[in-house]
Amino acid sequence: MARGFSTMLARKIRISTVPGEWREVLECEHCDAQGECEVEIAVPDYIRGGDLTTGYGQCPVCEGRGYVELPEDEDDDQG
């Protein structure tokens, strides 16, 4: 196992985006449910073509929400 990676499965959490409606989602493993993580940032350079660097920004997996939707086959709400 690579250093820094967890063997834990994604945790299911319940959120409410509309008052009175609860739904189960998975915590984002990429950003540890924080919504921000280290991402690649393009730095333009018109002479040499540019460069890629890293910085802290919005998580590309969960789009900054901190959670991802359950796959269709795991969704127990439709029954």
PDB file of N, CA and C in Angstrom:
ATOM      1  N   MET A   1       0.843  -1.182   0.000  1.00  0.00           N
ATOM      2  CA  MET A   1       0.000   0.000   0.000  1.00  0.00           C
ATOM      3  C   MET A   1       0.884   1.240   0.000  1.00  0.00           C
ATOM      4  N   ALA A   2       0.516   2.212  -0.782  1.00  0.00           N
ATOM      5  CA  ALA A   2       1.280   3.450  -0.874  1.00  0.00           C
ATOM      6  C   ALA A   2       1.129   4.269   0.399  1.00  0.00           C
ATOM      7  N   ARG A   3       2.167   4.972   0.746  1.00  0.00           N
ATOM      8  CA  ARG A   3       2.149   5.790   1.950  1.00  0.00           C
ATOM      9  C   ARG A   3       1.153   6.931   1.791  1.00  0.00           C
ATOM     10  N   GLY A   4       0.351   7.178   2.824  1.00  0.00           N
ATOM     11  CA  GLY A   4      -0.578   8.293   2.812  1.00  0.00           C
ATOM     12  C   GLY A   4      -1.962   7.941   2.293  1.00  0.00           C
ATOM     13  N   PHE A   5      -2.145   6.706   1.815  1.00  0.00           N
ATOM     14  CA  PHE A   5      -3.458   6.320   1.326  1.00  0.00           C
ATOM     15  C   PHE A   5      -4.122   5.407   2.330  1.00  0.00           C
ATOM     16  N   SER A   6      -5.405   5.575   2.494  1.00  0.00           N
ATOM     17  CA  SER A   6      -6.159   4.818   3.471  1.00  0.00           C
ATOM     18  C   SER A   6      -6.807   3.600   2.829  1.00  0.00           C
ATOM     19  N   THR A   7      -6.991   2.555   3.620  1.00  0.00           N
ATOM     20  CA  THR A   7      -7.699   1.379   3.137  1.00  0.00           C
ATOM     21  C   THR A   7      -9.165   1.415   3.544  1.00  0.00           C
ATOM     22  N   MET A   8      -9.583   2.478   4.225  1.00  0.00           N
ATOM     23  CA  MET A   8     -10.976   2.592   4.663  1.00  0.00           C
ATOM     24  C   MET A   8     -11.888   2.833   3.468  1.00  0.00           C
ATOM     25  N   LEU A   9     -13.075   2.275   3.549  1.00  0.00           N
ATOM     26  CA  LEU A   9     -14.077   2.523   2.527  1.00  0.00           C
ATOM     27  C   LEU A   9     -14.701   3.888   2.742  1.00  0.00           C
ATOM     28  N   ALA A  10     -15.305   4.425   1.698  1.00  0.00           N
ATOM     29  CA  ALA A  10     -15.947   5.733   1.799  1.00  0.00           C
ATOM     30  C   ALA A  10     -17.107   5.662   2.794  1.00  0.00           C
ATOM     31  N   ARG A  11     -17.226   6.694   3.608  1.00  0.00           N
ATOM     32  CA  ARG A  11     -18.302   6.743   4.599  1.00  0.00           C
ATOM     33  C   ARG A  11     -19.568   7.299   3.987  1.00  0.00           C
ATOM     34  N   LYS A  12     -20.690   6.694   4.314  1.00  0.00           N
ATOM     35  CA  LYS A  12     -21.985   7.227   3.914  1.00  0.00           C
ATOM     36  C   LYS A  12     -22.415   8.250   4.959  1.00  0.00           C
ATOM     37  N   ILE A  13     -22.862   9.395   4.503  1.00  0.00           N
ATOM     38  CA  ILE A  13     -23.368  10.423   5.396  1.00  0.00           C
ATOM     39  C   ILE A  13     -24.737  10.864   4.908  1.00  0.00           C
ATOM     40  N   ARG A  14     -25.506  11.469   5.778  1.00  0.00           N
ATOM     41  CA  ARG A  14     -26.824  11.984   5.406  1.00  0.00           C
ATOM     42  C   ARG A  14     -26.758  13.497   5.373  1.00  0.00           C
ATOM     43  N   ILE A  15     -27.266  14.085   4.294  1.00  0.00           N
ATOM     44  CA  ILE A  15     -27.282  15.536   4.163  1.00  0.00           C
ATOM     45  C   ILE A  15     -28.693  16.004   3.839  1.00  0.00           C
ATOM     46  N   SER A  16     -28.941  17.259   4.101  1.00  0.00           N
ATOM     47  CA  SER A  16     -30.222  17.869   3.771  1.00  0.00           C
ATOM     48  C   SER A  16     -29.947  19.131   2.972  1.00  0.00           C
ATOM     49  N   THR A  17     -30.299  19.116   1.685  1.00  0.00           N
ATOM     50  CA  THR A  17     -30.155  20.301   0.851  1.00  0.00           C
ATOM     51  C   THR A  17     -31.463  21.060   0.758  1.00  0.00           C
ATOM     52  N   VAL A  18     -32.556  20.380   1.054  1.00  0.00           N
ATOM     53  CA  VAL A  18     -33.890  20.976   1.094  1.00  0.00           C
ATOM     54  C   VAL A  18     -34.461  20.663   2.474  1.00  0.00           C
ATOM     55  N   PRO A  19     -35.031  21.643   3.187  1.00  0.00           N
ATOM     56  CA  PRO A  19     -35.552  21.370   4.524  1.00  0.00           C
ATOM     57  C   PRO A  19     -36.534  20.197   4.532  1.00  0.00           C
ATOM     58  N   GLY A  20     -36.278  19.237   5.409  1.00  0.00           N
ATOM     59  CA  GLY A  20     -37.144  18.086   5.553  1.00  0.00           C
ATOM     60  C   GLY A  20     -36.797  16.910   4.659  1.00  0.00           C
ATOM     61  N   GLU A  21     -35.914  17.077   3.702  1.00  0.00           N
ATOM     62  CA  GLU A  21     -35.507  15.996   2.812  1.00  0.00           C
ATOM     63  C   GLU A  21     -34.076  15.584   3.136  1.00  0.00           C
ATOM     64  N   TRP A  22     -33.893  14.325   3.476  1.00  0.00           N
ATOM     65  CA  TRP A  22     -32.568  13.791   3.777  1.00  0.00           C
ATOM     66  C   TRP A  22     -32.210  12.754   2.736  1.00  0.00           C
ATOM     67  N   ARG A  23     -30.928  12.732   2.351  1.00  0.00           N
ATOM     68  CA  ARG A  23     -30.464  11.715   1.419  1.00  0.00           C
ATOM     69  C   ARG A  23     -29.061  11.289   1.801  1.00  0.00           C
ATOM     70  N   GLU A  24     -28.740  10.046   1.455  1.00  0.00           N
ATOM     71  CA  GLU A  24     -27.419   9.514   1.763  1.00  0.00           C
ATOM     72  C   GLU A  24     -26.470   9.765   0.604  1.00  0.00           C
ATOM     73  N   VAL A  25     -25.261  10.190   0.936  1.00  0.00           N
ATOM     74  CA  VAL A  25     -24.206  10.430  -0.040  1.00  0.00           C
ATOM     75  C   VAL A  25     -22.907   9.863   0.532  1.00  0.00           C
ATOM     76  N   LEU A  26     -21.874   9.806  -0.284  1.00  0.00           N
ATOM     77  CA  LEU A  26     -20.557   9.348   0.154  1.00  0.00           C
ATOM     78  C   LEU A  26     -19.641  10.536   0.376  1.00  0.00           C
ATOM     79  N   GLU A  27     -18.843  10.477   1.453  1.00  0.00           N
ATOM     80  CA  GLU A  27     -17.828  11.509   1.654  1.00  0.00           C
ATOM     81  C   GLU A  27     -16.805  11.408   0.539  1.00  0.00           C
ATOM     82  N   CYS A  28     -16.324  12.534   0.062  1.00  0.00           N
ATOM     83  CA  CYS A  28     -15.308  12.545  -0.993  1.00  0.00           C
ATOM     84  C   CYS A  28     -13.977  12.083  -0.409  1.00  0.00           C
ATOM     85  N   GLU A  29     -13.409  11.025  -0.989  1.00  0.00           N
ATOM     86  CA  GLU A  29     -12.124  10.509  -0.508  1.00  0.00           C
ATOM     87  C   GLU A  29     -10.952  11.337  -1.021  1.00  0.00           C
ATOM     88  N   HIS A  30     -11.149  12.024  -2.130  1.00  0.00           N
ATOM     89  CA  HIS A  30     -10.054  12.783  -2.738  1.00  0.00           C
ATOM     90  C   HIS A  30      -9.643  13.977  -1.869  1.00  0.00           C
ATOM     91  N   CYS A  31     -10.629  14.655  -1.281  1.00  0.00           N
ATOM     92  CA  CYS A  31     -10.338  15.840  -0.461  1.00  0.00           C
ATOM     93  C   CYS A  31     -10.653  15.625   1.017  1.00  0.00           C
ATOM     94  N   ASP A  32     -10.960  14.389   1.413  1.00  0.00           N
ATOM     95  CA  ASP A  32     -11.338  14.062   2.797  1.00  0.00           C
ATOM     96  C   ASP A  32     -12.523  14.894   3.276  1.00  0.00           C
ATOM     97  N   ALA A  33     -13.500  15.105   2.397  1.00  0.00           N
ATOM     98  CA  ALA A  33     -14.746  15.814   2.680  1.00  0.00           C
ATOM     99  C   ALA A  33     -14.527  17.288   3.041  1.00  0.00           C
ATOM    100  N   GLN A  34     -13.409  17.881   2.607  1.00  0.00           N
ATOM    101  CA  GLN A  34     -13.133  19.284   2.889  1.00  0.00           C
ATOM    102  C   GLN A  34     -13.555  20.204   1.756  1.00  0.00           C
ATOM    103  N   GLY A  35     -13.650  19.671   0.535  1.00  0.00           N
ATOM    104  CA  GLY A  35     -14.033  20.487  -0.611  1.00  0.00           C
ATOM    105  C   GLY A  35     -12.870  21.149  -1.315  1.00  0.00           C
ATOM    106  N   GLU A  36     -11.698  21.130  -0.704  1.00  0.00           N
ATOM    107  CA  GLU A  36     -10.497  21.718  -1.295  1.00  0.00           C
ATOM    108  C   GLU A  36      -9.338  20.747  -1.132  1.00  0.00           C
ATOM    109  N   CYS A  37      -8.460  20.727  -2.139  1.00  0.00           N
ATOM    110  CA  CYS A  37      -7.293  19.852  -2.086  1.00  0.00           C
ATOM    111  C   CYS A  37      -6.213  20.429  -2.992  1.00  0.00           C
ATOM    112  N   GLU A  38      -5.093  19.739  -3.094  1.00  0.00           N
ATOM    113  CA  GLU A  38      -4.003  20.192  -3.946  1.00  0.00           C
ATOM    114  C   GLU A  38      -4.341  19.847  -5.395  1.00  0.00           C
ATOM    115  N   VAL A  39      -4.314  20.843  -6.267  1.00  0.00           N
ATOM    116  CA  VAL A  39      -4.653  20.664  -7.680  1.00  0.00           C
ATOM    117  C   VAL A  39      -3.552  21.259  -8.550  1.00  0.00           C
ATOM    118  N   GLU A  40      -3.549  20.864  -9.823  1.00  0.00           N
ATOM    119  CA  GLU A  40      -2.597  21.435 -10.776  1.00  0.00           C
ATOM    120  C   GLU A  40      -3.145  22.748 -11.311  1.00  0.00           C
ATOM    121  N   ILE A  41      -2.282  23.752 -11.395  1.00  0.00           N
ATOM    122  CA  ILE A  41      -2.663  25.072 -11.881  1.00  0.00           C
ATOM    123  C   ILE A  41      -1.780  25.404 -13.079  1.00  0.00           C
ATOM    124  N   ALA A  42      -2.401  25.817 -14.168  1.00  0.00           N
ATOM    125  CA  ALA A  42      -1.649  26.191 -15.362  1.00  0.00           C
ATOM    126  C   ALA A  42      -1.141  27.626 -15.215  1.00  0.00           C
ATOM    127  N   VAL A  43       0.144  27.819 -15.452  1.00  0.00           N
ATOM    128  CA  VAL A  43       0.758  29.144 -15.399  1.00  0.00           C
ATOM    129  C   VAL A  43       1.176  29.500 -16.829  1.00  0.00           C
ATOM    130  N   PRO A  44       0.521  30.491 -17.441  1.00  0.00           N
ATOM    131  CA  PRO A  44       0.857  30.821 -18.832  1.00  0.00           C
ATOM    132  C   PRO A  44       2.226  31.482 -18.952  1.00  0.00           C
ATOM    133  N   ASP A  45       2.915  31.117 -19.990  1.00  0.00           N
ATOM    134  CA  ASP A  45       4.201  31.735 -20.336  1.00  0.00           C
ATOM    135  C   ASP A  45       4.231  31.791 -21.854  1.00  0.00           C
ATOM    136  N   TYR A  46       4.096  32.977 -22.403  1.00  0.00           N
ATOM    137  CA  TYR A  46       3.945  33.133 -23.842  1.00  0.00           C
ATOM    138  C   TYR A  46       5.238  32.868 -24.612  1.00  0.00           C
ATOM    139  N   ILE A  47       6.366  32.840 -23.946  1.00  0.00           N
ATOM    140  CA  ILE A  47       7.633  32.582 -24.623  1.00  0.00           C
ATOM    141  C   ILE A  47       7.933  31.081 -24.651  1.00  0.00           C
ATOM    142  N   ARG A  48       7.774  30.413 -23.500  1.00  0.00           N
ATOM    143  CA  ARG A  48       8.119  28.997 -23.392  1.00  0.00           C
ATOM    144  C   ARG A  48       6.909  28.067 -23.417  1.00  0.00           C
ATOM    145  N   GLY A  49       5.712  28.568 -23.549  1.00  0.00           N
ATOM    146  CA  GLY A  49       4.528  27.719 -23.650  1.00  0.00           C
ATOM    147  C   GLY A  49       3.785  27.473 -22.361  1.00  0.00           C
ATOM    148  N   GLY A  50       4.320  27.837 -21.227  1.00  0.00           N
ATOM    149  CA  GLY A  50       3.611  27.682 -19.969  1.00  0.00           C
ATOM    150  C   GLY A  50       4.182  26.580 -19.098  1.00  0.00           C
ATOM    151  N   ASP A  51       3.600  26.446 -17.919  1.00  0.00           N
ATOM    152  CA  ASP A  51       4.081  25.490 -16.943  1.00  0.00           C
ATOM    153  C   ASP A  51       2.913  25.042 -16.087  1.00  0.00           C
ATOM    154  N   LEU A  52       3.031  23.872 -15.482  1.00  0.00           N
ATOM    155  CA  LEU A  52       2.052  23.388 -14.516  1.00  0.00           C
ATOM    156  C   LEU A  52       2.668  23.435 -13.139  1.00  0.00           C
ATOM    157  N   THR A  53       1.929  23.948 -12.187  1.00  0.00           N
ATOM    158  CA  THR A  53       2.369  23.980 -10.808  1.00  0.00           C
ATOM    159  C   THR A  53       1.224  23.468  -9.944  1.00  0.00           C
ATOM    160  N   THR A  54       1.472  23.247  -8.681  1.00  0.00           N
ATOM    161  CA  THR A  54       0.421  22.784  -7.783  1.00  0.00           C
ATOM    162  C   THR A  54       0.036  23.901  -6.830  1.00  0.00           C
ATOM    163  N   GLY A  55      -1.205  23.852  -6.421  1.00  0.00           N
ATOM    164  CA  GLY A  55      -1.721  24.828  -5.476  1.00  0.00           C
ATOM    165  C   GLY A  55      -2.966  24.274  -4.807  1.00  0.00           C
ATOM    166  N   TYR A  56      -3.497  25.013  -3.874  1.00  0.00           N
ATOM    167  CA  TYR A  56      -4.682  24.595  -3.134  1.00  0.00           C
ATOM    168  C   TYR A  56      -5.908  25.170  -3.824  1.00  0.00           C
ATOM    169  N   GLY A  57      -6.864  24.307  -4.185  1.00  0.00           N
ATOM    170  CA  GLY A  57      -8.050  24.782  -4.887  1.00  0.00           C
ATOM    171  C   GLY A  57      -9.221  23.835  -4.727  1.00  0.00           C
ATOM    172  N   GLN A  58     -10.273  24.109  -5.461  1.00  0.00           N
ATOM    173  CA  GLN A  58     -11.507  23.336  -5.393  1.00  0.00           C
ATOM    174  C   GLN A  58     -11.273  21.901  -5.860  1.00  0.00           C
ATOM    175  N   CYS A  59     -11.828  20.949  -5.137  1.00  0.00           N
ATOM    176  CA  CYS A  59     -11.665  19.536  -5.459  1.00  0.00           C
ATOM    177  C   CYS A  59     -12.350  19.225  -6.787  1.00  0.00           C
ATOM    178  N   PRO A  60     -11.636  18.607  -7.742  1.00  0.00           N
ATOM    179  CA  PRO A  60     -12.241  18.298  -9.032  1.00  0.00           C
ATOM    180  C   PRO A  60     -13.211  17.117  -8.987  1.00  0.00           C
ATOM    181  N   VAL A  61     -13.133  16.285  -7.959  1.00  0.00           N
ATOM    182  CA  VAL A  61     -13.999  15.107  -7.870  1.00  0.00           C
ATOM    183  C   VAL A  61     -15.390  15.486  -7.367  1.00  0.00           C
ATOM    184  N   CYS A  62     -15.456  16.242  -6.281  1.00  0.00           N
ATOM    185  CA  CYS A  62     -16.759  16.592  -5.691  1.00  0.00           C
ATOM    186  C   CYS A  62     -17.187  18.015  -6.018  1.00  0.00           C
ATOM    187  N   GLU A  63     -16.382  18.741  -6.776  1.00  0.00           N
ATOM    188  CA  GLU A  63     -16.670  20.129  -7.170  1.00  0.00           C
ATOM    189  C   GLU A  63     -16.853  21.055  -5.971  1.00  0.00           C
ATOM    190  N   GLY A  64     -16.097  20.792  -4.902  1.00  0.00           N
ATOM    191  CA  GLY A  64     -16.097  21.657  -3.732  1.00  0.00           C
ATOM    192  C   GLY A  64     -17.197  21.386  -2.721  1.00  0.00           C
ATOM    193  N   ARG A  65     -18.010  20.371  -2.939  1.00  0.00           N
ATOM    194  CA  ARG A  65     -19.113  20.080  -2.014  1.00  0.00           C
ATOM    195  C   ARG A  65     -18.670  19.255  -0.812  1.00  0.00           C
ATOM    196  N   GLY A  66     -17.663  18.393  -0.992  1.00  0.00           N
ATOM    197  CA  GLY A  66     -17.220  17.527   0.092  1.00  0.00           C
ATOM    198  C   GLY A  66     -17.883  16.165   0.080  1.00  0.00           C
ATOM    199  N   TYR A  67     -18.801  15.942  -0.829  1.00  0.00           N
ATOM    200  CA  TYR A  67     -19.459  14.645  -0.953  1.00  0.00           C
ATOM    201  C   TYR A  67     -19.727  14.339  -2.418  1.00  0.00           C
ATOM    202  N   VAL A  68     -19.926  13.049  -2.696  1.00  0.00           N
ATOM    203  CA  VAL A  68     -20.281  12.597  -4.036  1.00  0.00           C
ATOM    204  C   VAL A  68     -21.560  11.771  -3.931  1.00  0.00           C
ATOM    205  N   GLU A  69     -22.331  11.753  -4.994  1.00  0.00           N
ATOM    206  CA  GLU A  69     -23.592  11.017  -5.002  1.00  0.00           C
ATOM    207  C   GLU A  69     -23.333   9.514  -4.984  1.00  0.00           C
ATOM    208  N   LEU A  70     -24.262   8.770  -4.399  1.00  0.00           N
ATOM    209  CA  LEU A  70     -24.178   7.317  -4.410  1.00  0.00           C
ATOM    210  C   LEU A  70     -24.402   6.797  -5.818  1.00  0.00           C
ATOM    211  N   PRO A  71     -23.714   5.736  -6.196  1.00  0.00           N
ATOM    212  CA  PRO A  71     -24.016   5.119  -7.485  1.00  0.00           C
ATOM    213  C   PRO A  71     -25.447   4.586  -7.494  1.00  0.00           C
ATOM    214  N   GLU A  72     -26.045   4.462  -8.665  1.00  0.00           N
ATOM    215  CA  GLU A  72     -27.445   4.032  -8.796  1.00  0.00           C
ATOM    216  C   GLU A  72     -27.705   2.695  -8.112  1.00  0.00           C
ATOM    217  N   ASP A  73     -26.774   1.739  -8.226  1.00  0.00           N
ATOM    218  CA  ASP A  73     -27.016   0.397  -7.660  1.00  0.00           C
ATOM    219  C   ASP A  73     -26.940   0.374  -6.134  1.00  0.00           C
ATOM    220  N   GLU A  74     -26.326   1.366  -5.509  1.00  0.00           N
ATOM    221  CA  GLU A  74     -26.234   1.421  -4.050  1.00  0.00           C
ATOM    222  C   GLU A  74     -27.311   2.303  -3.430  1.00  0.00           C
ATOM    223  N   ASP A  75     -28.066   2.998  -4.225  1.00  0.00           N
ATOM    224  CA  ASP A  75     -29.068   3.925  -3.720  1.00  0.00           C
ATOM    225  C   ASP A  75     -30.254   3.146  -3.173  1.00  0.00           C
ATOM    226  N   ASP A  76     -30.461   3.190  -1.846  1.00  0.00           N
ATOM    227  CA  ASP A  76     -31.526   2.422  -1.206  1.00  0.00           C
ATOM    228  C   ASP A  76     -32.819   3.213  -1.069  1.00  0.00           C
ATOM    229  N   ASP A  77     -32.846   4.494  -1.437  1.00  0.00           N
ATOM    230  CA  ASP A  77     -34.033   5.307  -1.259  1.00  0.00           C
ATOM    231  C   ASP A  77     -35.156   4.899  -2.198  1.00  0.00           C
ATOM    232  N   GLN A  78     -34.823   4.340  -3.348  1.00  0.00           N
ATOM    233  CA  GLN A  78     -35.852   3.931  -4.304  1.00  0.00           C
ATOM    234  C   GLN A  78     -36.169   2.480  -4.076  1.00  0.00           C
ATOM    235  N   GLY A  79     -37.349   2.210  -3.529  1.00  0.00           N
ATOM    236  CA  GLY A  79     -37.525   0.851  -3.184  1.00  0.00           C
ATOM    237  C   GLY A  79     -38.780   0.260  -3.500  1.00  0.00           C
TER     238      GLY A  79
END
